Structure formats: C-alpha cells, structure tokens
Amino acid sequence: MTEKLKNVLWPLGFGILIVALWQVGILHNILGFKPYQLPLPSQIVTTLHENFGKALSDTIITVSGALVGLAIGCALGFIVAVIATQFPKWGYTGLTVIAAFNAIPIVALSPIMNRWFSSGFAQKVGVVSVVCMAAMAINAYRGLNDLEPFAKDLLESYAAPKRVVFFKLRLPNCLPSVLTALKINVASALMAAMISEYFASSTAGLGFAIKDNLRKGMMAIGWSYIVMAALVGITLYLIIILVERRAIKWHASQR
C-alpha cells in the first residue's frame, strides 16, 4: 500500500510544483514567455468558471463524437483481429490494410472525411473510427494468438472444437490486450475528434473553440478549453483503469 501511495504522491507533487512555478511566474522567466502568451493558472480557472456552461456544452459535443467513433473503431478492429485469427491465410491481410490506414496523418484524414460526410458529427466519428481501428486490431490479434505454452495443445488433445478454444482460451487471453488498446485509443479518440473539428464546418466542440479563441488572441479562454480536454482525457483513462482492475484481477499486471 505504501508503494502504491508513493506512485500516486510523486507525480501529484511534481504536478503541483509545476503549477506553482507557473503561477508565480518562474515558468514564464525560464521559457521567456509573457503572461498574454501563457496565461496564469488563476486566470485560466477564473475564465473557465465564468464560461463553464459553454465549455461544458462544447465538451459534450466533442466527447460524444469521440466515444461513438471509439466504439465503432474498436469493434471493427476486434472483428478484423478475430477474422485474422480464424482465417490466417487471408485474414492477416486485413491487419496490414488497417496498419496502412493508421499511417495516414489525422490532418490529412480529416479534410477527406469532411468531403465524404455532410454532417460534422459523422465526419468526426469517421476520423476517430479509422484512428482507433489499428491499435485494437493489432493488440487483440496478439492477445488471441499469444497463448500460454501447451494450453492450445491441451484443448486440442481433448478434441475441443474451434468454438470452445476461442471462447475458453483465446477470448480470456486477449482481454488484457484489448484493455491496453482501449487505454491507447481513449487519448487517440479525443485527439482525433478535436483535430477533426478544426476542419469541420460546425462552430461547436473543443477543437473549434481552441482554434477560434487562440486565433483571436483570447488565450485564457483557449487554455480553459485545453484544461477541459485534459480533464476529460484523464477521466476516461481512469475509467478504463478501474474496469481493467475489475475485469482482469487474475492477470499478472494487477498483482
């Protein structure tokens, strides 16, 4: 318990130290910034409090698109991993295609999706789905195939059908890898949703608000939206960690 407490307190203390140095202006002196370039934390908090209703509305718009795209992308990636496992001769090609899609930069993918979909929400979901597929497909495929030594041989020696091998061995074995992919994709989904809003025709969402306010020189408001995005990302990541602790208590990573 003491070790776990240290693992929490050290990063928390370091974060508090950085914010304190930022607030008193030491960070500005080190980096050579002016207060109008990098607002003080107190200014950001005050601005966020004054505009919390609008910031919350924009956050919901961005997060809703990110979560829908995350669900679709992860589902498609897992299906590809299952197909590649069950039909390795031609299913593995699907992993290669998805890996190629993952190499496309988001800033190039977003304008393409903007042309394909008339709705800004659909464009956002499309971008997030493509971004999230690769991590899930690759991690799930590894979990479905990196089995314990002799475990698969044991089931086959009892003449277990492929369905039993999949549900009793492969599926439980891939659960840690799937949760790892979800932790990766939570951050990627939020980032992809915000970047897609840079190119969308809509005038709402965290991405649009950050771009619009920073372009106008309203730095404190822009940074307040950045803080909201960071809080959402941390919250979603912690939710995945809690689910992971409940779902795979038996795994070595949780001991």
Protein backbone atom coordinates (compact mmCIF):
# COMPACT_ATOMS: atom_id res chain seq x y z
CA MET A 1 0.00 0.00 0.00
CA THR A 2 2.89 2.35 0.80
CA GLU A 3 4.44 1.72 -2.61
CA LYS A 4 1.13 2.43 -4.36
CA LEU A 5 0.76 5.64 -2.34
CA LYS A 6 4.23 6.76 -3.39
CA ASN A 7 3.37 6.07 -7.04
CA VAL A 8 0.45 8.49 -6.69
CA LEU A 9 2.04 11.16 -4.50
CA TRP A 10 5.24 11.64 -6.52
CA PRO A 11 3.50 12.51 -9.83
CA LEU A 12 0.89 14.57 -7.96
CA GLY A 13 3.58 16.50 -6.10
CA PHE A 14 5.50 17.13 -9.31
CA GLY A 15 2.34 18.43 -11.00
CA ILE A 16 1.60 20.77 -8.08
CA LEU A 17 5.17 22.06 -8.21
CA ILE A 18 4.90 22.85 -11.93
CA VAL A 19 1.59 24.68 -11.42
CA ALA A 20 3.07 26.66 -8.51
CA LEU A 21 6.11 27.69 -10.57
CA TRP A 22 3.73 28.62 -13.38
CA GLN A 23 1.54 30.73 -11.09
CA VAL A 24 4.37 32.75 -9.54
CA GLY A 25 5.90 33.47 -12.95
CA ILE A 26 9.07 31.42 -12.67
CA LEU A 27 8.00 29.22 -15.57
CA HIS A 28 7.48 32.34 -17.70
CA ASN A 29 11.00 33.54 -16.91
CA ILE A 30 12.52 30.16 -17.76
CA LEU A 31 10.68 29.86 -21.08
CA GLY A 32 10.81 33.56 -21.93
CA PHE A 33 7.01 33.89 -22.20
CA LYS A 34 4.79 36.83 -21.39
CA PRO A 35 1.53 36.46 -19.39
CA TYR A 36 -0.53 37.19 -22.51
CA GLN A 37 1.23 34.31 -24.30
CA LEU A 38 0.81 31.83 -21.45
CA PRO A 39 -1.98 32.82 -19.02
CA LEU A 40 -1.54 32.14 -15.32
CA PRO A 41 -3.40 29.14 -13.85
CA SER A 42 -5.55 31.50 -11.76
CA GLN A 43 -6.63 33.34 -14.93
CA ILE A 44 -7.47 30.06 -16.65
CA VAL A 45 -9.52 28.82 -13.68
CA THR A 46 -11.39 32.14 -13.41
CA THR A 47 -12.15 32.16 -17.14
CA LEU A 48 -13.30 28.54 -17.03
CA HIS A 49 -15.62 29.33 -14.13
CA GLU A 50 -17.13 32.28 -15.99
CA ASN A 51 -17.67 30.29 -19.21
CA PHE A 52 -18.30 26.86 -17.72
CA GLY A 53 -21.72 26.39 -19.34
CA LYS A 54 -20.41 26.96 -22.87
CA ALA A 55 -17.27 24.93 -22.18
CA LEU A 56 -19.33 22.01 -20.87
CA SER A 57 -21.61 22.11 -23.93
CA ASP A 58 -18.63 22.05 -26.31
CA THR A 59 -17.04 19.25 -24.28
CA ILE A 60 -20.16 17.09 -24.56
CA ILE A 61 -20.22 17.59 -28.34
CA THR A 62 -16.60 16.52 -28.71
CA VAL A 63 -16.76 13.62 -26.25
CA SER A 64 -19.95 12.20 -27.77
CA GLY A 65 -18.33 12.00 -31.20
CA ALA A 66 -15.12 10.59 -29.72
CA LEU A 67 -16.93 7.85 -27.79
CA VAL A 68 -19.10 6.79 -30.75
CA GLY A 69 -16.05 6.67 -33.01
CA LEU A 70 -14.10 4.82 -30.31
CA ALA A 71 -16.80 2.16 -30.03
CA ILE A 72 -17.10 1.70 -33.79
CA GLY A 73 -13.34 1.69 -34.40
CA CYS A 74 -12.63 -0.76 -31.58
CA ALA A 75 -15.44 -3.07 -32.69
CA LEU A 76 -14.19 -3.12 -36.28
CA GLY A 77 -10.60 -3.62 -35.14
CA PHE A 78 -11.58 -6.55 -32.92
CA ILE A 79 -13.59 -8.16 -35.74
CA VAL A 80 -10.59 -7.91 -38.04
CA ALA A 81 -8.39 -9.49 -35.35
CA VAL A 82 -10.86 -12.38 -34.94
CA ILE A 83 -11.03 -12.93 -38.72
CA ALA A 84 -7.24 -12.85 -38.97
CA THR A 85 -7.06 -15.43 -36.18
CA GLN A 86 -9.73 -17.79 -37.52
CA PHE A 87 -8.67 -17.47 -41.18
CA PRO A 88 -4.92 -16.72 -41.01
CA LYS A 89 -4.21 -17.35 -44.71
CA TRP A 90 -6.13 -14.30 -45.90
CA GLY A 91 -7.36 -12.62 -42.72
CA TYR A 92 -3.91 -11.32 -41.81
CA THR A 93 -4.11 -9.09 -44.87
CA GLY A 94 -6.77 -7.10 -43.07
CA LEU A 95 -4.29 -6.22 -40.33
CA THR A 96 -1.85 -4.96 -42.93
CA VAL A 97 -4.52 -2.75 -44.53
CA ILE A 98 -5.54 -1.30 -41.17
CA ALA A 99 -1.90 -0.62 -40.28
CA ALA A 100 -1.60 1.25 -43.59
CA PHE A 101 -4.69 3.34 -42.74
CA ASN A 102 -3.16 4.14 -39.37
CA ALA A 103 -0.15 5.68 -41.14
CA ILE A 104 -2.38 8.37 -42.68
CA PRO A 105 -1.97 11.63 -40.69
CA ILE A 106 -5.11 12.88 -38.96
CA VAL A 107 -4.65 16.32 -40.51
CA ALA A 108 -4.90 14.66 -43.95
CA LEU A 109 -7.71 12.28 -42.99
CA SER A 110 -9.99 14.96 -41.53
CA PRO A 111 -10.42 17.04 -44.74
CA ILE A 112 -11.08 13.81 -46.68
CA MET A 113 -13.80 12.78 -44.24
CA ASN A 114 -15.21 16.30 -44.39
CA ARG A 115 -15.79 15.76 -48.12
CA TRP A 116 -17.34 12.33 -47.59
CA PHE A 117 -19.86 13.31 -44.91
CA SER A 118 -22.21 16.28 -44.89
CA SER A 119 -22.55 16.18 -41.10
CA GLY A 120 -19.75 17.38 -38.85
CA PHE A 121 -20.63 14.71 -36.32
CA ALA A 122 -20.40 11.92 -38.91
CA GLN A 123 -17.07 13.27 -40.12
CA LYS A 124 -15.77 13.27 -36.55
CA VAL A 125 -16.96 9.71 -35.94
CA GLY A 126 -15.35 8.56 -39.20
CA VAL A 127 -11.96 10.05 -38.32
CA VAL A 128 -11.99 8.60 -34.80
CA SER A 129 -13.07 5.17 -36.06
CA VAL A 130 -10.17 4.95 -38.52
CA VAL A 131 -7.68 6.14 -35.90
CA CYS A 132 -8.85 3.61 -33.29
CA MET A 133 -9.04 0.51 -35.50
CA ALA A 134 -5.33 -0.22 -35.80
CA ALA A 135 -4.43 -0.27 -32.09
CA MET A 136 -7.36 -2.53 -31.27
CA ALA A 137 -6.79 -4.89 -34.21
CA ILE A 138 -3.07 -5.34 -33.55
CA ASN A 139 -3.38 -5.71 -29.76
CA ALA A 140 -6.40 -8.02 -29.97
CA TYR A 141 -4.69 -10.19 -32.57
CA ARG A 142 -1.65 -10.54 -30.33
CA GLY A 143 -3.84 -11.47 -27.37
CA LEU A 144 -5.81 -14.00 -29.38
CA ASN A 145 -2.67 -15.75 -30.60
CA ASP A 146 -0.02 -15.38 -27.88
CA LEU A 147 -1.36 -18.27 -25.83
CA GLU A 148 0.13 -19.99 -22.82
CA PRO A 149 2.51 -22.82 -23.76
CA PHE A 150 0.74 -26.12 -24.29
CA ALA A 151 -2.69 -24.61 -23.44
CA LYS A 152 -3.95 -24.88 -27.01
CA ASP A 153 -2.31 -28.31 -27.38
CA LEU A 154 -4.13 -29.48 -24.25
CA LEU A 155 -7.54 -28.44 -25.55
CA GLU A 156 -6.86 -29.99 -28.93
CA SER A 157 -5.79 -33.23 -27.26
CA TYR A 158 -9.29 -33.37 -25.79
CA ALA A 159 -10.72 -32.79 -29.29
CA ALA A 160 -12.13 -29.39 -28.32
CA PRO A 161 -13.79 -27.66 -31.29
CA LYS A 162 -12.58 -24.26 -32.52
CA ARG A 163 -15.54 -22.56 -30.85
CA VAL A 164 -14.53 -23.89 -27.42
CA VAL A 165 -10.87 -22.95 -28.00
CA PHE A 166 -11.92 -19.43 -28.93
CA PHE A 167 -14.31 -18.76 -26.03
CA LYS A 168 -12.44 -20.67 -23.32
CA LEU A 169 -8.86 -19.84 -24.23
CA ARG A 170 -8.36 -17.15 -26.86
CA LEU A 171 -11.02 -14.67 -25.69
CA PRO A 172 -10.00 -14.58 -21.99
CA ASN A 173 -6.34 -14.44 -23.00
CA CYS A 174 -6.87 -11.37 -25.23
CA LEU A 175 -8.76 -9.36 -22.60
CA PRO A 176 -5.62 -7.65 -21.17
CA SER A 177 -4.53 -6.71 -24.70
CA VAL A 178 -7.99 -5.33 -25.51
CA LEU A 179 -7.92 -3.16 -22.39
CA THR A 180 -4.44 -1.94 -23.29
CA ALA A 181 -5.76 -0.95 -26.72
CA LEU A 182 -8.66 0.89 -25.07
CA LYS A 183 -6.25 2.91 -22.91
CA ILE A 184 -4.32 3.87 -26.02
CA ASN A 185 -7.46 4.66 -28.00
CA VAL A 186 -9.08 6.84 -25.32
CA ALA A 187 -6.41 9.50 -25.80
CA SER A 188 -6.26 8.96 -29.57
CA ALA A 189 -10.04 9.24 -29.94
CA LEU A 190 -10.24 12.54 -28.06
CA MET A 191 -7.30 13.95 -30.01
CA ALA A 192 -8.74 12.82 -33.36
CA ALA A 193 -12.16 14.29 -32.53
CA MET A 194 -10.62 17.66 -31.64
CA ILE A 195 -8.44 17.76 -34.76
CA SER A 196 -11.42 16.84 -36.96
CA GLU A 197 -13.28 19.85 -35.55
CA TYR A 198 -10.52 22.08 -36.91
CA PHE A 199 -11.68 21.19 -40.44
CA ALA A 200 -15.43 20.71 -39.86
CA SER A 201 -17.98 23.30 -40.88
CA SER A 202 -19.60 23.24 -37.42
CA THR A 203 -18.93 26.01 -34.90
CA ALA A 204 -19.00 23.91 -31.74
CA GLY A 205 -16.73 21.48 -29.95
CA LEU A 206 -13.45 21.69 -28.07
CA GLY A 207 -11.30 21.65 -31.20
CA PHE A 208 -13.15 24.53 -32.83
CA ALA A 209 -13.25 26.53 -29.58
CA ILE A 210 -9.49 26.16 -29.01
CA LYS A 211 -8.67 27.13 -32.58
CA ASP A 212 -11.11 30.06 -32.66
CA ASN A 213 -10.14 31.58 -29.32
CA LEU A 214 -6.40 31.23 -29.79
CA ARG A 215 -6.71 32.73 -33.28
CA LYS A 216 -8.49 35.74 -31.75
CA GLY A 217 -5.80 36.11 -29.11
CA MET A 218 -8.17 35.11 -26.27
CA MET A 219 -5.54 32.94 -24.65
CA ALA A 220 -7.19 32.42 -21.28
CA ILE A 221 -10.40 31.10 -22.87
CA GLY A 222 -8.42 28.91 -25.25
CA TRP A 223 -6.43 27.44 -22.38
CA SER A 224 -9.62 26.85 -20.38
CA TYR A 225 -10.83 24.59 -23.20
CA ILE A 226 -7.45 22.84 -23.20
CA VAL A 227 -7.91 22.18 -19.46
CA MET A 228 -11.38 20.73 -20.12
CA ALA A 229 -9.94 18.42 -22.77
CA ALA A 230 -7.20 17.29 -20.39
CA LEU A 231 -9.69 16.61 -17.59
CA VAL A 232 -11.90 14.57 -19.90
CA GLY A 233 -8.93 12.55 -21.16
CA ILE A 234 -7.76 11.81 -17.62
CA THR A 235 -11.27 10.84 -16.51
CA LEU A 236 -11.80 8.43 -19.40
CA TYR A 237 -8.36 6.90 -18.84
CA LEU A 238 -9.10 6.36 -15.13
CA ILE A 239 -12.42 4.70 -16.00
CA ILE A 240 -10.59 2.22 -18.24
CA ILE A 241 -8.09 1.52 -15.44
CA LEU A 242 -10.91 0.82 -12.97
CA VAL A 243 -12.57 -1.53 -15.44
CA GLU A 244 -9.22 -3.23 -16.01
CA ARG A 245 -8.72 -3.83 -12.30
CA ARG A 246 -12.16 -5.39 -12.02
CA ALA A 247 -12.05 -7.44 -15.21
CA ILE A 248 -8.57 -8.98 -15.03
CA LYS A 249 -7.81 -9.40 -11.34
CA TRP A 250 -6.18 -12.70 -12.27
CA HIS A 251 -3.61 -11.12 -14.60
CA ALA A 252 0.00 -10.59 -13.51
CA SER A 253 -0.20 -6.85 -14.25
CA GLN A 254 -2.78 -6.42 -11.46
CA ARG A 255 -0.81 -8.19 -8.74
